[in-house]
Amino acid sequence: MPALLVLFLLPSSVFAAAKNSAWTEYTSEHFVVYSDRKPAEAKALLMDFERFRSVVLTATGLRLFRCEHERADFPV
């Protein structure tokens, strides 16, 4: 029974901690990140996402799209 109680209380304490922290929205050209970390850490994550996107698109040869609505002519 104590293990069940721990399993029940642990997730609720994690959500309570997340609820009490200050979350900020950070955006790049293609991504949105909500973070409670330092601004430099969140911005570094956004840069990692942008680099990853660039590498995947280059490696796969996929066309770059600015907006989702421009995908109507896909495949190229």
C-alpha atoms as a PDB file:
ATOM      1  CA  MET A   1       0.000   0.000   0.000  1.00  0.00           C
ATOM      2  CA  PRO A   2       2.778   2.577   0.710  1.00  0.00           C
ATOM      3  CA  ALA A   3       4.161   2.062  -2.812  1.00  0.00           C
ATOM      4  CA  LEU A   4       0.752   2.859  -4.272  1.00  0.00           C
ATOM      5  CA  LEU A   5       0.563   6.026  -2.190  1.00  0.00           C
ATOM      6  CA  VAL A   6       4.009   7.129  -3.414  1.00  0.00           C
ATOM      7  CA  LEU A   7       2.982   6.473  -7.028  1.00  0.00           C
ATOM      8  CA  PHE A   8      -0.107   8.601  -6.510  1.00  0.00           C
ATOM      9  CA  LEU A   9       1.584  11.493  -4.687  1.00  0.00           C
ATOM     10  CA  LEU A  10       4.688  11.738  -6.874  1.00  0.00           C
ATOM     11  CA  PRO A  11       2.930  12.811 -10.105  1.00  0.00           C
ATOM     12  CA  SER A  12       0.711  15.271  -8.251  1.00  0.00           C
ATOM     13  CA  SER A  13       3.747  16.916  -6.620  1.00  0.00           C
ATOM     14  CA  VAL A  14       5.487  17.185  -9.995  1.00  0.00           C
ATOM     15  CA  PHE A  15       2.447  18.888 -11.538  1.00  0.00           C
ATOM     16  CA  ALA A  16       2.125  21.210  -8.537  1.00  0.00           C
ATOM     17  CA  ALA A  17       5.760  22.279  -8.931  1.00  0.00           C
ATOM     18  CA  ALA A  18       5.260  22.916 -12.652  1.00  0.00           C
ATOM     19  CA  LYS A  19       2.114  24.918 -11.981  1.00  0.00           C
ATOM     20  CA  ASN A  20       3.902  27.188  -9.514  1.00  0.00           C
ATOM     21  CA  SER A  21       6.869  27.971 -11.746  1.00  0.00           C
ATOM     22  CA  ALA A  22       6.918  30.899 -14.162  1.00  0.00           C
ATOM     23  CA  TRP A  23       6.618  29.682 -17.748  1.00  0.00           C
ATOM     24  CA  THR A  24       7.665  31.904 -20.633  1.00  0.00           C
ATOM     25  CA  GLU A  25       7.060  31.527 -24.348  1.00  0.00           C
ATOM     26  CA  TYR A  26      10.079  31.658 -26.644  1.00  0.00           C
ATOM     27  CA  THR A  27       9.716  31.610 -30.411  1.00  0.00           C
ATOM     28  CA  SER A  28      11.914  31.193 -33.441  1.00  0.00           C
ATOM     29  CA  GLU A  29      10.943  31.233 -37.098  1.00  0.00           C
ATOM     30  CA  HIS A  30       9.593  27.662 -37.006  1.00  0.00           C
ATOM     31  CA  PHE A  31       9.193  26.672 -33.339  1.00  0.00           C
ATOM     32  CA  VAL A  32       7.531  27.720 -30.090  1.00  0.00           C
ATOM     33  CA  VAL A  33       8.949  26.622 -26.733  1.00  0.00           C
ATOM     34  CA  TYR A  34       7.328  27.122 -23.347  1.00  0.00           C
ATOM     35  CA  SER A  35       9.946  26.930 -20.637  1.00  0.00           C
ATOM     36  CA  ASP A  36      10.566  27.657 -16.985  1.00  0.00           C
ATOM     37  CA  ARG A  37      14.324  27.606 -17.563  1.00  0.00           C
ATOM     38  CA  LYS A  38      16.687  30.549 -17.958  1.00  0.00           C
ATOM     39  CA  PRO A  39      16.165  32.532 -21.174  1.00  0.00           C
ATOM     40  CA  ALA A  40      19.605  31.562 -22.491  1.00  0.00           C
ATOM     41  CA  GLU A  41      18.786  27.851 -22.064  1.00  0.00           C
ATOM     42  CA  ALA A  42      15.431  28.163 -23.820  1.00  0.00           C
ATOM     43  CA  LYS A  43      16.967  30.146 -26.680  1.00  0.00           C
ATOM     44  CA  ALA A  44      19.735  27.549 -27.029  1.00  0.00           C
ATOM     45  CA  LEU A  45      17.058  24.854 -27.299  1.00  0.00           C
ATOM     46  CA  LEU A  46      15.303  26.826 -30.038  1.00  0.00           C
ATOM     47  CA  MET A  47      18.586  27.130 -31.928  1.00  0.00           C
ATOM     48  CA  ASP A  48      19.092  23.360 -31.611  1.00  0.00           C
ATOM     49  CA  PHE A  49      15.602  22.790 -33.068  1.00  0.00           C
ATOM     50  CA  GLU A  50      16.323  25.159 -35.971  1.00  0.00           C
ATOM     51  CA  ARG A  51      19.673  23.457 -36.680  1.00  0.00           C
ATOM     52  CA  PHE A  52      18.051  20.026 -36.555  1.00  0.00           C
ATOM     53  CA  ARG A  53      15.315  21.162 -38.947  1.00  0.00           C
ATOM     54  CA  SER A  54      17.915  22.542 -41.343  1.00  0.00           C
ATOM     55  CA  VAL A  55      19.966  19.336 -41.271  1.00  0.00           C
ATOM     56  CA  VAL A  56      16.929  17.101 -41.832  1.00  0.00           C
ATOM     57  CA  LEU A  57      15.634  19.213 -44.703  1.00  0.00           C
ATOM     58  CA  THR A  58      19.072  19.335 -46.319  1.00  0.00           C
ATOM     59  CA  ALA A  59      19.690  15.608 -45.868  1.00  0.00           C
ATOM     60  CA  THR A  60      16.285  14.613 -47.230  1.00  0.00           C
ATOM     61  CA  GLY A  61      16.207  17.174 -50.020  1.00  0.00           C
ATOM     62  CA  LEU A  62      12.744  18.324 -48.991  1.00  0.00           C
ATOM     63  CA  ARG A  63      11.579  21.741 -50.096  1.00  0.00           C
ATOM     64  CA  LEU A  64      11.547  24.433 -47.442  1.00  0.00           C
ATOM     65  CA  PHE A  65       8.114  25.887 -46.727  1.00  0.00           C
ATOM     66  CA  ARG A  66       7.423  29.158 -44.988  1.00  0.00           C
ATOM     67  CA  CYS A  67       3.895  28.365 -43.877  1.00  0.00           C
ATOM     68  CA  GLU A  68       1.730  25.302 -43.626  1.00  0.00           C
ATOM     69  CA  HIS A  69      -0.718  26.659 -46.231  1.00  0.00           C
ATOM     70  CA  GLU A  70       2.098  26.732 -48.819  1.00  0.00           C
ATOM     71  CA  ARG A  71       2.262  22.931 -48.675  1.00  0.00           C
ATOM     72  CA  ALA A  72      -0.755  22.621 -50.998  1.00  0.00           C
ATOM     73  CA  ASP A  73       1.526  21.998 -53.955  1.00  0.00           C
ATOM     74  CA  PHE A  74       3.418  19.188 -52.204  1.00  0.00           C
ATOM     75  CA  PRO A  75       5.019  16.974 -53.498  1.00  0.00           C
ATOM     76  CA  VAL A  76       7.379  19.178 -55.468  1.00  0.00           C
END
